[in-house]
PDB file of all heavy atoms in Angstrom:
ATOM      1  N   GLY A   1     -35.381  11.386  33.215  1.00  0.00           N
ATOM      2  CA  GLY A   1     -35.651  10.400  34.306  1.00  0.00           C
ATOM      3  C   GLY A   1     -35.031   9.124  34.088  1.00  0.00           C
ATOM      4  O   GLY A   1     -35.243   8.158  34.884  1.00  0.00           O
ATOM      5  N   PHE A   2     -34.328   8.943  32.997  1.00  0.00           N
ATOM      6  CA  PHE A   2     -33.613   7.688  32.673  1.00  0.00           C
ATOM      7  C   PHE A   2     -32.176   7.786  32.942  1.00  0.00           C
ATOM      8  O   PHE A   2     -31.621   8.902  32.867  1.00  0.00           O
ATOM      9  CB  PHE A   2     -33.942   7.272  31.189  1.00  0.00           C
ATOM     10  CG  PHE A   2     -35.377   6.943  30.954  1.00  0.00           C
ATOM     11  CD1 PHE A   2     -36.189   7.924  30.460  1.00  0.00           C
ATOM     12  CD2 PHE A   2     -35.856   5.673  31.208  1.00  0.00           C
ATOM     13  CE1 PHE A   2     -37.558   7.615  30.174  1.00  0.00           C
ATOM     14  CE2 PHE A   2     -37.195   5.343  30.983  1.00  0.00           C
ATOM     15  CZ  PHE A   2     -38.043   6.341  30.468  1.00  0.00           C
ATOM     16  N   GLU A   3     -31.590   6.701  33.222  1.00  0.00           N
ATOM     17  CA  GLU A   3     -30.083   6.639  33.439  1.00  0.00           C
ATOM     18  C   GLU A   3     -29.323   6.758  32.107  1.00  0.00           C
ATOM     19  O   GLU A   3     -29.911   6.491  31.013  1.00  0.00           O
ATOM     20  CB  GLU A   3     -29.680   5.396  34.155  1.00  0.00           C
ATOM     21  CG  GLU A   3     -29.824   5.350  35.589  1.00  0.00           C
ATOM     22  CD  GLU A   3     -29.115   4.229  36.277  1.00  0.00           C
ATOM     23  OE1 GLU A   3     -28.796   3.216  35.612  1.00  0.00           O
ATOM     24  OE2 GLU A   3     -28.870   4.319  37.501  1.00  0.00           O
ATOM     25  N   THR A   4     -28.075   7.093  32.177  1.00  0.00           N
ATOM     26  CA  THR A   4     -27.240   7.245  31.050  1.00  0.00           C
ATOM     27  C   THR A   4     -27.193   5.875  30.270  1.00  0.00           C
ATOM     28  O   THR A   4     -27.005   4.828  30.872  1.00  0.00           O
ATOM     29  CB  THR A   4     -25.792   7.583  31.412  1.00  0.00           C
ATOM     30  OG1 THR A   4     -25.825   8.946  31.937  1.00  0.00           O
ATOM     31  CG2 THR A   4     -24.855   7.511  30.261  1.00  0.00           C
ATOM     32  N   PHE A   5     -27.477   5.955  28.926  1.00  0.00           N
ATOM     33  CA  PHE A   5     -27.450   4.916  28.009  1.00  0.00           C
ATOM     34  C   PHE A   5     -28.628   3.840  28.129  1.00  0.00           C
ATOM     35  O   PHE A   5     -28.626   2.877  27.583  1.00  0.00           O
ATOM     36  CB  PHE A   5     -26.086   4.080  28.064  1.00  0.00           C
ATOM     37  CG  PHE A   5     -24.908   4.933  27.768  1.00  0.00           C
ATOM     38  CD1 PHE A   5     -23.724   4.759  28.454  1.00  0.00           C
ATOM     39  CD2 PHE A   5     -24.918   5.980  26.777  1.00  0.00           C
ATOM     40  CE1 PHE A   5     -22.612   5.542  28.191  1.00  0.00           C
ATOM     41  CE2 PHE A   5     -23.887   6.763  26.545  1.00  0.00           C
ATOM     42  CZ  PHE A   5     -22.647   6.558  27.281  1.00  0.00           C
ATOM     43  N   ASP A   6     -29.608   4.226  28.993  1.00  0.00           N
ATOM     44  CA  ASP A   6     -30.743   3.326  29.149  1.00  0.00           C
ATOM     45  C   ASP A   6     -31.392   3.100  27.706  1.00  0.00           C
ATOM     46  O   ASP A   6     -31.606   4.095  26.976  1.00  0.00           O
ATOM     47  CB  ASP A   6     -31.860   3.999  29.994  1.00  0.00           C
ATOM     48  CG  ASP A   6     -31.635   3.665  31.453  1.00  0.00           C
ATOM     49  OD1 ASP A   6     -30.765   2.796  31.777  1.00  0.00           O
ATOM     50  OD2 ASP A   6     -32.430   4.106  32.322  1.00  0.00           O
ATOM     51  N   GLY A   7     -31.591   1.838  27.334  1.00  0.00           N
ATOM     52  CA  GLY A   7     -32.335   1.518  26.134  1.00  0.00           C
ATOM     53  C   GLY A   7     -31.428   1.459  24.855  1.00  0.00           C
ATOM     54  O   GLY A   7     -31.947   1.207  23.755  1.00  0.00           O
ATOM     55  N   ASP A   8     -30.131   1.651  24.974  1.00  0.00           N
ATOM     56  CA  ASP A   8     -29.257   1.717  23.818  1.00  0.00           C
ATOM     57  C   ASP A   8     -29.228   0.437  23.028  1.00  0.00           C
ATOM     58  O   ASP A   8     -29.004   0.508  21.800  1.00  0.00           O
ATOM     59  CB  ASP A   8     -27.827   2.108  24.220  1.00  0.00           C
ATOM     60  CG  ASP A   8     -27.627   3.641  24.281  1.00  0.00           C
ATOM     61  OD1 ASP A   8     -28.608   4.385  24.103  1.00  0.00           O
ATOM     62  OD2 ASP A   8     -26.522   4.051  24.585  1.00  0.00           O
ATOM     63  N   LEU A   9     -29.446  -0.665  23.677  1.00  0.00           N
ATOM     64  CA  LEU A   9     -29.438  -1.933  22.933  1.00  0.00           C
ATOM     65  C   LEU A   9     -30.672  -2.088  21.981  1.00  0.00           C
ATOM     66  O   LEU A   9     -30.722  -3.050  21.182  1.00  0.00           O
ATOM     67  CB  LEU A   9     -29.316  -3.150  23.826  1.00  0.00           C
ATOM     68  CG  LEU A   9     -28.050  -3.231  24.677  1.00  0.00           C
ATOM     69  CD1 LEU A   9     -28.056  -4.552  25.407  1.00  0.00           C
ATOM     70  CD2 LEU A   9     -26.819  -2.983  23.882  1.00  0.00           C
ATOM     71  N   LEU A  10     -31.525  -1.121  22.078  1.00  0.00           N
ATOM     72  CA  LEU A  10     -32.690  -1.129  21.114  1.00  0.00           C
ATOM     73  C   LEU A  10     -32.266  -0.748  19.724  1.00  0.00           C
ATOM     74  O   LEU A  10     -32.838  -1.118  18.721  1.00  0.00           O
ATOM     75  CB  LEU A  10     -33.801  -0.186  21.647  1.00  0.00           C
ATOM     76  CG  LEU A  10     -34.706  -0.821  22.696  1.00  0.00           C
ATOM     77  CD1 LEU A  10     -35.589   0.256  23.346  1.00  0.00           C
ATOM     78  CD2 LEU A  10     -35.583  -1.912  22.039  1.00  0.00           C
ATOM     79  N   TRP A  11     -31.290   0.182  19.682  1.00  0.00           N
ATOM     80  CA  TRP A  11     -30.860   0.634  18.366  1.00  0.00           C
ATOM     81  C   TRP A  11     -29.480   0.085  17.876  1.00  0.00           C
ATOM     82  O   TRP A  11     -29.246  -0.104  16.725  1.00  0.00           O
ATOM     83  CB  TRP A  11     -30.800   2.166  18.281  1.00  0.00           C
ATOM     84  CG  TRP A  11     -29.962   2.910  19.252  1.00  0.00           C
ATOM     85  CD1 TRP A  11     -30.231   3.338  20.499  1.00  0.00           C
ATOM     86  CD2 TRP A  11     -28.529   3.219  19.100  1.00  0.00           C
ATOM     87  NE1 TRP A  11     -29.179   3.947  21.105  1.00  0.00           N
ATOM     88  CE2 TRP A  11     -28.104   3.860  20.293  1.00  0.00           C
ATOM     89  CE3 TRP A  11     -27.573   3.046  18.024  1.00  0.00           C
ATOM     90  CZ2 TRP A  11     -26.799   4.353  20.417  1.00  0.00           C
ATOM     91  CZ3 TRP A  11     -26.302   3.478  18.212  1.00  0.00           C
ATOM     92  CH2 TRP A  11     -25.975   4.087  19.385  1.00  0.00           C
ATOM     93  N   TYR A  12     -28.581  -0.099  18.867  1.00  0.00           N
ATOM     94  CA  TYR A  12     -27.264  -0.594  18.528  1.00  0.00           C
ATOM     95  C   TYR A  12     -27.285  -1.986  17.951  1.00  0.00           C
ATOM     96  O   TYR A  12     -27.600  -2.921  18.629  1.00  0.00           O
ATOM     97  CB  TYR A  12     -26.328  -0.523  19.653  1.00  0.00           C
ATOM     98  CG  TYR A  12     -24.945  -1.034  19.397  1.00  0.00           C
ATOM     99  CD1 TYR A  12     -24.042  -0.307  18.564  1.00  0.00           C
ATOM    100  CD2 TYR A  12     -24.547  -2.325  19.759  1.00  0.00           C
ATOM    101  CE1 TYR A  12     -22.834  -0.792  18.258  1.00  0.00           C
ATOM    102  CE2 TYR A  12     -23.262  -2.823  19.395  1.00  0.00           C
ATOM    103  CZ  TYR A  12     -22.442  -2.047  18.631  1.00  0.00           C
ATOM    104  OH  TYR A  12     -21.213  -2.572  18.280  1.00  0.00           O
ATOM    105  N   GLY A  13     -26.944  -2.112  16.667  1.00  0.00           N
ATOM    106  CA  GLY A  13     -26.854  -3.469  16.042  1.00  0.00           C
ATOM    107  C   GLY A  13     -28.165  -4.081  15.710  1.00  0.00           C
ATOM    108  O   GLY A  13     -28.195  -5.249  15.314  1.00  0.00           O
ATOM    109  N   THR A  14     -29.284  -3.419  15.871  1.00  0.00           N
ATOM    110  CA  THR A  14     -30.561  -4.066  15.629  1.00  0.00           C
ATOM    111  C   THR A  14     -31.160  -3.565  14.231  1.00  0.00           C
ATOM    112  O   THR A  14     -30.667  -2.558  13.669  1.00  0.00           O
ATOM    113  CB  THR A  14     -31.649  -3.703  16.678  1.00  0.00           C
ATOM    114  OG1 THR A  14     -32.048  -2.366  16.519  1.00  0.00           O
ATOM    115  CG2 THR A  14     -31.061  -3.856  18.067  1.00  0.00           C
ATOM    116  N   ASN A  15     -32.163  -4.234  13.835  1.00  0.00           N
ATOM    117  CA  ASN A  15     -32.882  -3.753  12.621  1.00  0.00           C
ATOM    118  C   ASN A  15     -34.196  -3.105  12.946  1.00  0.00           C
ATOM    119  O   ASN A  15     -35.072  -2.926  12.119  1.00  0.00           O
ATOM    120  CB  ASN A  15     -33.110  -4.877  11.606  1.00  0.00           C
ATOM    121  CG  ASN A  15     -33.826  -6.148  12.302  1.00  0.00           C
ATOM    122  OD1 ASN A  15     -34.329  -5.974  13.361  1.00  0.00           O
ATOM    123  ND2 ASN A  15     -33.916  -7.229  11.599  1.00  0.00           N
ATOM    124  N   TYR A  16     -34.408  -2.734  14.240  1.00  0.00           N
ATOM    125  CA  TYR A  16     -35.643  -2.078  14.608  1.00  0.00           C
ATOM    126  C   TYR A  16     -35.698  -0.699  14.010  1.00  0.00           C
ATOM    127  O   TYR A  16     -34.676   0.042  13.935  1.00  0.00           O
ATOM    128  CB  TYR A  16     -35.704  -1.901  16.138  1.00  0.00           C
ATOM    129  CG  TYR A  16     -35.825  -3.128  16.986  1.00  0.00           C
ATOM    130  CD1 TYR A  16     -35.241  -3.314  18.182  1.00  0.00           C
ATOM    131  CD2 TYR A  16     -36.524  -4.269  16.475  1.00  0.00           C
ATOM    132  CE1 TYR A  16     -35.342  -4.445  18.910  1.00  0.00           C
ATOM    133  CE2 TYR A  16     -36.656  -5.428  17.164  1.00  0.00           C
ATOM    134  CZ  TYR A  16     -36.031  -5.494  18.414  1.00  0.00           C
ATOM    135  OH  TYR A  16     -36.168  -6.666  19.125  1.00  0.00           O
ATOM    136  N   SER A  17     -36.817  -0.290  13.498  1.00  0.00           N
ATOM    137  CA  SER A  17     -37.043   1.055  12.983  1.00  0.00           C
ATOM    138  C   SER A  17     -37.032   2.041  14.118  1.00  0.00           C
ATOM    139  O   SER A  17     -37.196   1.649  15.317  1.00  0.00           O
ATOM    140  CB  SER A  17     -38.345   1.152  12.208  1.00  0.00           C
ATOM    141  OG  SER A  17     -39.445   1.005  13.095  1.00  0.00           O
ATOM    142  N   ARG A  18     -36.929   3.325  13.788  1.00  0.00           N
ATOM    143  CA  ARG A  18     -36.946   4.337  14.874  1.00  0.00           C
ATOM    144  C   ARG A  18     -38.293   4.315  15.607  1.00  0.00           C
ATOM    145  O   ARG A  18     -38.336   4.415  16.832  1.00  0.00           O
ATOM    146  CB  ARG A  18     -36.678   5.759  14.310  1.00  0.00           C
ATOM    147  CG  ARG A  18     -35.300   5.865  13.698  1.00  0.00           C
ATOM    148  CD  ARG A  18     -35.083   7.136  12.930  1.00  0.00           C
ATOM    149  NE  ARG A  18     -33.882   7.062  12.105  1.00  0.00           N
ATOM    150  CZ  ARG A  18     -33.594   7.879  11.177  1.00  0.00           C
ATOM    151  NH1 ARG A  18     -34.416   8.901  10.815  1.00  0.00           N
ATOM    152  NH2 ARG A  18     -32.465   7.728  10.452  1.00  0.00           N
ATOM    153  N   GLU A  19     -39.358   4.113  14.879  1.00  0.00           N
ATOM    154  CA  GLU A  19     -40.727   4.091  15.514  1.00  0.00           C
ATOM    155  C   GLU A  19     -40.835   2.919  16.460  1.00  0.00           C
ATOM    156  O   GLU A  19     -41.331   3.004  17.540  1.00  0.00           O
ATOM    157  CB  GLU A  19     -41.799   4.036  14.499  1.00  0.00           C
ATOM    158  CG  GLU A  19     -43.178   4.051  15.033  1.00  0.00           C
ATOM    159  CD  GLU A  19     -44.365   4.151  14.023  1.00  0.00           C
ATOM    160  OE1 GLU A  19     -44.070   4.702  12.913  1.00  0.00           O
ATOM    161  OE2 GLU A  19     -45.424   3.688  14.359  1.00  0.00           O
ATOM    162  N   GLU A  20     -40.342   1.774  16.016  1.00  0.00           N
ATOM    163  CA  GLU A  20     -40.358   0.577  16.894  1.00  0.00           C
ATOM    164  C   GLU A  20     -39.503   0.738  18.110  1.00  0.00           C
ATOM    165  O   GLU A  20     -39.826   0.284  19.185  1.00  0.00           O
ATOM    166  CB  GLU A  20     -39.993  -0.699  16.059  1.00  0.00           C
ATOM    167  CG  GLU A  20     -40.127  -1.961  16.919  1.00  0.00           C
ATOM    168  CD  GLU A  20     -40.004  -3.245  16.191  1.00  0.00           C
ATOM    169  OE1 GLU A  20     -39.668  -3.175  14.950  1.00  0.00           O
ATOM    170  OE2 GLU A  20     -40.128  -4.271  16.731  1.00  0.00           O
ATOM    171  N   ILE A  21     -38.334   1.346  17.965  1.00  0.00           N
ATOM    172  CA  ILE A  21     -37.445   1.659  19.075  1.00  0.00           C
ATOM    173  C   ILE A  21     -38.155   2.490  20.136  1.00  0.00           C
ATOM    174  O   ILE A  21     -38.220   2.158  21.300  1.00  0.00           O
ATOM    175  CB  ILE A  21     -36.138   2.384  18.595  1.00  0.00           C
ATOM    176  CG1 ILE A  21     -35.299   1.423  17.841  1.00  0.00           C
ATOM    177  CG2 ILE A  21     -35.410   2.950  19.823  1.00  0.00           C
ATOM    178  CD1 ILE A  21     -34.189   2.137  17.056  1.00  0.00           C
ATOM    179  N   ILE A  22     -38.864   3.551  19.688  1.00  0.00           N
ATOM    180  CA  ILE A  22     -39.599   4.431  20.609  1.00  0.00           C
ATOM    181  C   ILE A  22     -40.740   3.672  21.266  1.00  0.00           C
ATOM    182  O   ILE A  22     -40.993   3.796  22.465  1.00  0.00           O
ATOM    183  CB  ILE A  22     -40.112   5.640  19.763  1.00  0.00           C
ATOM    184  CG1 ILE A  22     -38.939   6.491  19.281  1.00  0.00           C
ATOM    185  CG2 ILE A  22     -41.035   6.501  20.654  1.00  0.00           C
ATOM    186  CD1 ILE A  22     -39.303   7.528  18.265  1.00  0.00           C
ATOM    187  N   LYS A  23     -41.444   2.865  20.503  1.00  0.00           N
ATOM    188  CA  LYS A  23     -42.592   2.087  21.046  1.00  0.00           C
ATOM    189  C   LYS A  23     -42.099   1.061  22.057  1.00  0.00           C
ATOM    190  O   LYS A  23     -42.695   0.822  23.106  1.00  0.00           O
ATOM    191  CB  LYS A  23     -43.413   1.478  20.008  1.00  0.00           C
ATOM    192  CG  LYS A  23     -44.210   2.393  19.143  1.00  0.00           C
ATOM    193  CD  LYS A  23     -45.034   1.678  18.040  1.00  0.00           C
ATOM    194  CE  LYS A  23     -45.887   2.611  17.283  1.00  0.00           C
ATOM    195  NZ  LYS A  23     -46.656   1.984  16.137  1.00  0.00           N
ATOM    196  N   ARG A  24     -40.971   0.392  21.756  1.00  0.00           N
ATOM    197  CA  ARG A  24     -40.466  -0.641  22.708  1.00  0.00           C
ATOM    198  C   ARG A  24     -39.979   0.057  24.021  1.00  0.00           C
ATOM    199  O   ARG A  24     -40.044  -0.482  25.098  1.00  0.00           O
ATOM    200  CB  ARG A  24     -39.356  -1.440  22.007  1.00  0.00           C
ATOM    201  CG  ARG A  24     -39.849  -2.504  21.102  1.00  0.00           C
ATOM    202  CD  ARG A  24     -38.729  -3.304  20.481  1.00  0.00           C
ATOM    203  NE  ARG A  24     -39.226  -4.490  19.799  1.00  0.00           N
ATOM    204  CZ  ARG A  24     -39.582  -5.631  20.252  1.00  0.00           C
ATOM    205  NH1 ARG A  24     -39.463  -5.750  21.600  1.00  0.00           N
ATOM    206  NH2 ARG A  24     -40.055  -6.605  19.533  1.00  0.00           N
ATOM    207  N   PHE A  25     -39.393   1.225  23.810  1.00  0.00           N
ATOM    208  CA  PHE A  25     -38.855   1.916  25.054  1.00  0.00           C
ATOM    209  C   PHE A  25     -39.900   2.315  25.971  1.00  0.00           C
ATOM    210  O   PHE A  25     -39.667   2.567  27.197  1.00  0.00           O
ATOM    211  CB  PHE A  25     -38.096   3.168  24.515  1.00  0.00           C
ATOM    212  CG  PHE A  25     -37.243   3.848  25.641  1.00  0.00           C
ATOM    213  CD1 PHE A  25     -36.131   3.192  26.108  1.00  0.00           C
ATOM    214  CD2 PHE A  25     -37.574   5.089  26.144  1.00  0.00           C
ATOM    215  CE1 PHE A  25     -35.335   3.725  27.135  1.00  0.00           C
ATOM    216  CE2 PHE A  25     -36.800   5.629  27.167  1.00  0.00           C
ATOM    217  CZ  PHE A  25     -35.719   4.975  27.650  1.00  0.00           C
ATOM    218  N   ALA A  26     -41.133   2.294  25.570  1.00  0.00           N
ATOM    219  CA  ALA A  26     -42.273   2.611  26.493  1.00  0.00           C
ATOM    220  C   ALA A  26     -42.352   1.654  27.608  1.00  0.00           C
ATOM    221  O   ALA A  26     -42.968   1.952  28.653  1.00  0.00           O
ATOM    222  CB  ALA A  26     -43.604   2.612  25.648  1.00  0.00           C
ATOM    223  N   ASN A  27     -41.751   0.467  27.537  1.00  0.00           N
ATOM    224  CA  ASN A  27     -41.785  -0.495  28.605  1.00  0.00           C
ATOM    225  C   ASN A  27     -40.585  -0.371  29.519  1.00  0.00           C
ATOM    226  O   ASN A  27     -40.445  -1.134  30.513  1.00  0.00           O
ATOM    227  CB  ASN A  27     -41.805  -1.949  27.981  1.00  0.00           C
ATOM    228  CG  ASN A  27     -43.040  -2.204  27.236  1.00  0.00           C
ATOM    229  OD1 ASN A  27     -44.165  -2.203  27.758  1.00  0.00           O
ATOM    230  ND2 ASN A  27     -42.947  -2.450  25.936  1.00  0.00           N
ATOM    231  N   TYR A  28     -39.681   0.544  29.233  1.00  0.00           N
ATOM    232  CA  TYR A  28     -38.416   0.694  30.030  1.00  0.00           C
ATOM    233  C   TYR A  28     -38.753   1.453  31.341  1.00  0.00           C
ATOM    234  O   TYR A  28     -39.293   2.580  31.292  1.00  0.00           O
ATOM    235  CB  TYR A  28     -37.374   1.423  29.277  1.00  0.00           C
ATOM    236  CG  TYR A  28     -35.986   1.033  29.644  1.00  0.00           C
ATOM    237  CD1 TYR A  28     -35.209   0.170  28.867  1.00  0.00           C
ATOM    238  CD2 TYR A  28     -35.387   1.507  30.830  1.00  0.00           C
ATOM    239  CE1 TYR A  28     -33.917  -0.200  29.178  1.00  0.00           C
ATOM    240  CE2 TYR A  28     -34.108   1.167  31.189  1.00  0.00           C
ATOM    241  CZ  TYR A  28     -33.393   0.328  30.373  1.00  0.00           C
ATOM    242  OH  TYR A  28     -32.109  -0.003  30.701  1.00  0.00           O
ATOM    243  N   LYS A  29     -38.337   0.908  32.512  1.00  0.00           N
ATOM    244  CA  LYS A  29     -38.614   1.560  33.796  1.00  0.00           C
ATOM    245  C   LYS A  29     -37.731   2.779  33.968  1.00  0.00           C
ATOM    246  O   LYS A  29     -36.542   2.703  33.682  1.00  0.00           O
ATOM    247  CB  LYS A  29     -38.440   0.528  34.946  1.00  0.00           C
ATOM    248  CG  LYS A  29     -39.383  -0.644  34.897  1.00  0.00           C
ATOM    249  CD  LYS A  29     -40.869  -0.285  34.934  1.00  0.00           C
ATOM    250  CE  LYS A  29     -41.729  -1.463  34.889  1.00  0.00           C
ATOM    251  NZ  LYS A  29     -43.148  -1.111  34.901  1.00  0.00           N
ATOM    252  N   MET A  30     -38.308   3.832  34.557  1.00  0.00           N
ATOM    253  CA  MET A  30     -37.550   5.042  34.858  1.00  0.00           C
ATOM    254  C   MET A  30     -36.720   4.845  36.091  1.00  0.00           C
ATOM    255  O   MET A  30     -37.136   4.127  37.015  1.00  0.00           O
ATOM    256  CB  MET A  30     -38.434   6.223  34.921  1.00  0.00           C
ATOM    257  CG  MET A  30     -39.247   6.530  33.706  1.00  0.00           C
ATOM    258  SD  MET A  30     -40.421   7.868  33.866  1.00  0.00           S
ATOM    259  CE  MET A  30     -39.246   9.269  34.098  1.00  0.00           C
ATOM    260  N   THR A  31     -35.542   5.535  36.150  1.00  0.00           N
ATOM    261  CA  THR A  31     -34.696   5.413  37.273  1.00  0.00           C
ATOM    262  C   THR A  31     -34.859   6.539  38.203  1.00  0.00           C
ATOM    263  O   THR A  31     -34.933   6.404  39.458  1.00  0.00           O
ATOM    264  CB  THR A  31     -33.164   5.413  36.779  1.00  0.00           C
ATOM    265  OG1 THR A  31     -33.033   4.338  35.837  1.00  0.00           O
ATOM    266  CG2 THR A  31     -32.245   5.184  37.971  1.00  0.00           C
ATOM    267  N   TYR A  32     -34.918   7.776  37.677  1.00  0.00           N
ATOM    268  CA  TYR A  32     -35.083   8.941  38.487  1.00  0.00           C
ATOM    269  C   TYR A  32     -36.419   9.603  38.408  1.00  0.00           C
ATOM    270  O   TYR A  32     -37.235   9.214  37.546  1.00  0.00           O
ATOM    271  CB  TYR A  32     -34.032  10.092  38.008  1.00  0.00           C
ATOM    272  CG  TYR A  32     -32.591   9.605  37.903  1.00  0.00           C
ATOM    273  CD1 TYR A  32     -32.013   9.630  36.618  1.00  0.00           C
ATOM    274  CD2 TYR A  32     -31.926   9.093  38.898  1.00  0.00           C
ATOM    275  CE1 TYR A  32     -30.681   9.202  36.417  1.00  0.00           C
ATOM    276  CE2 TYR A  32     -30.608   8.604  38.789  1.00  0.00           C
ATOM    277  CZ  TYR A  32     -29.970   8.710  37.521  1.00  0.00           C
ATOM    278  OH  TYR A  32     -28.724   8.326  37.380  1.00  0.00           O
ATOM    279  N   ASP A  33     -36.692  10.521  39.294  1.00  0.00           N
ATOM    280  CA  ASP A  33     -37.879  11.365  39.082  1.00  0.00           C
ATOM    281  C   ASP A  33     -37.664  12.359  37.942  1.00  0.00           C
ATOM    282  O   ASP A  33     -36.584  12.825  37.658  1.00  0.00           O
ATOM    283  CB  ASP A  33     -38.191  12.208  40.354  1.00  0.00           C
ATOM    284  CG  ASP A  33     -38.613  11.349  41.481  1.00  0.00           C
ATOM    285  OD1 ASP A  33     -39.237  10.277  41.242  1.00  0.00           O
ATOM    286  OD2 ASP A  33     -38.479  11.792  42.696  1.00  0.00           O
ATOM    287  N   PHE A  34     -38.761  12.592  37.184  1.00  0.00           N
ATOM    288  CA  PHE A  34     -38.669  13.429  36.020  1.00  0.00           C
ATOM    289  C   PHE A  34     -38.115  14.821  36.324  1.00  0.00           C
ATOM    290  O   PHE A  34     -38.460  15.387  37.343  1.00  0.00           O
ATOM    291  CB  PHE A  34     -40.124  13.520  35.530  1.00  0.00           C
ATOM    292  CG  PHE A  34     -40.306  14.358  34.203  1.00  0.00           C
ATOM    293  CD1 PHE A  34     -39.418  14.258  33.139  1.00  0.00           C
ATOM    294  CD2 PHE A  34     -41.426  15.138  34.099  1.00  0.00           C
ATOM    295  CE1 PHE A  34     -39.582  14.952  31.999  1.00  0.00           C
ATOM    296  CE2 PHE A  34     -41.685  15.855  32.937  1.00  0.00           C
ATOM    297  CZ  PHE A  34     -40.740  15.752  31.879  1.00  0.00           C
ATOM    298  N   ARG A  35     -37.184  15.265  35.511  1.00  0.00           N
ATOM    299  CA  ARG A  35     -36.544  16.590  35.548  1.00  0.00           C
ATOM    300  C   ARG A  35     -35.759  16.843  36.808  1.00  0.00           C
ATOM    301  O   ARG A  35     -35.563  17.961  37.235  1.00  0.00           O
ATOM    302  CB  ARG A  35     -37.627  17.698  35.427  1.00  0.00           C
ATOM    303  CG  ARG A  35     -38.299  17.737  34.064  1.00  0.00           C
ATOM    304  CD  ARG A  35     -39.379  18.814  33.961  1.00  0.00           C
ATOM    305  NE  ARG A  35     -40.094  18.824  32.736  1.00  0.00           N
ATOM    306  CZ  ARG A  35     -41.309  19.293  32.607  1.00  0.00           C
ATOM    307  NH1 ARG A  35     -41.973  19.765  33.618  1.00  0.00           N
ATOM    308  NH2 ARG A  35     -41.881  19.257  31.411  1.00  0.00           N
ATOM    309  N   THR A  36     -35.296  15.841  37.482  1.00  0.00           N
ATOM    310  CA  THR A  36     -34.544  16.062  38.726  1.00  0.00           C
ATOM    311  C   THR A  36     -33.061  15.677  38.568  1.00  0.00           C
ATOM    312  O   THR A  36     -32.280  16.236  39.330  1.00  0.00           O
ATOM    313  CB  THR A  36     -35.098  15.103  39.846  1.00  0.00           C
ATOM    314  OG1 THR A  36     -35.056  13.729  39.504  1.00  0.00           O
ATOM    315  CG2 THR A  36     -36.525  15.556  40.175  1.00  0.00           C
ATOM    316  N   ASP A  37     -32.678  14.762  37.691  1.00  0.00           N
ATOM    317  CA  ASP A  37     -31.348  14.274  37.567  1.00  0.00           C
ATOM    318  C   ASP A  37     -30.936  14.197  36.129  1.00  0.00           C
ATOM    319  O   ASP A  37     -31.750  14.006  35.267  1.00  0.00           O
ATOM    320  CB  ASP A  37     -31.153  12.928  38.244  1.00  0.00           C
ATOM    321  CG  ASP A  37     -31.127  12.997  39.766  1.00  0.00           C
ATOM    322  OD1 ASP A  37     -30.041  13.345  40.323  1.00  0.00           O
ATOM    323  OD2 ASP A  37     -32.191  12.708  40.295  1.00  0.00           O
ATOM    324  N   TYR A  38     -29.621  14.304  35.925  1.00  0.00           N
ATOM    325  CA  TYR A  38     -29.022  14.208  34.578  1.00  0.00           C
ATOM    326  C   TYR A  38     -28.910  12.741  34.263  1.00  0.00           C
ATOM    327  O   TYR A  38     -28.408  11.926  35.038  1.00  0.00           O
ATOM    328  CB  TYR A  38     -27.675  14.852  34.547  1.00  0.00           C
ATOM    329  CG  TYR A  38     -26.757  14.471  33.369  1.00  0.00           C
ATOM    330  CD1 TYR A  38     -26.983  15.019  32.112  1.00  0.00           C
ATOM    331  CD2 TYR A  38     -25.823  13.504  33.520  1.00  0.00           C
ATOM    332  CE1 TYR A  38     -26.185  14.683  31.082  1.00  0.00           C
ATOM    333  CE2 TYR A  38     -25.044  13.159  32.495  1.00  0.00           C
ATOM    334  CZ  TYR A  38     -25.208  13.756  31.242  1.00  0.00           C
ATOM    335  OH  TYR A  38     -24.409  13.337  30.207  1.00  0.00           O
ATOM    336  N   GLY A  39     -29.270  12.355  33.059  1.00  0.00           N
ATOM    337  CA  GLY A  39     -29.096  10.999  32.537  1.00  0.00           C
ATOM    338  C   GLY A  39     -28.979  11.109  30.999  1.00  0.00           C
ATOM    339  O   GLY A  39     -29.945  11.509  30.322  1.00  0.00           O
ATOM    340  N   TYR A  40     -27.796  10.822  30.459  1.00  0.00           N
ATOM    341  CA  TYR A  40     -27.532  10.958  29.077  1.00  0.00           C
ATOM    342  C   TYR A  40     -28.298   9.903  28.295  1.00  0.00           C
ATOM    343  O   TYR A  40     -27.937   8.677  28.459  1.00  0.00           O
ATOM    344  CB  TYR A  40     -26.037  10.828  28.804  1.00  0.00           C
ATOM    345  CG  TYR A  40     -25.558  11.113  27.381  1.00  0.00           C
ATOM    346  CD1 TYR A  40     -25.241  12.348  27.022  1.00  0.00           C
ATOM    347  CD2 TYR A  40     -25.501  10.075  26.474  1.00  0.00           C
ATOM    348  CE1 TYR A  40     -24.751  12.610  25.736  1.00  0.00           C
ATOM    349  CE2 TYR A  40     -25.058  10.280  25.207  1.00  0.00           C
ATOM    350  CZ  TYR A  40     -24.740  11.553  24.818  1.00  0.00           C
ATOM    351  OH  TYR A  40     -24.293  11.779  23.494  1.00  0.00           O
ATOM    352  N   ASN A  41     -29.282  10.218  27.529  1.00  0.00           N
ATOM    353  CA  ASN A  41     -30.113   9.306  26.855  1.00  0.00           C
ATOM    354  C   ASN A  41     -30.270   9.466  25.392  1.00  0.00           C
ATOM    355  O   ASN A  41     -30.842  10.494  24.938  1.00  0.00           O
ATOM    356  CB  ASN A  41     -31.552   9.252  27.528  1.00  0.00           C
ATOM    357  CG  ASN A  41     -32.399   8.044  27.147  1.00  0.00           C
ATOM    358  OD1 ASN A  41     -33.043   8.070  26.094  1.00  0.00           O
ATOM    359  ND2 ASN A  41     -32.308   7.024  27.894  1.00  0.00           N
TER     360      ASN A  41
END
């Protein structure tokens, strides 16, 4: 349900741990309806 590359700036070049990346991504708004469209994430 997310667009291609949504949230990538959470890991690229940051010192966030994987767990923190996942927790922060919880605030990211979805673009598509779940399971309806392709989005490389």
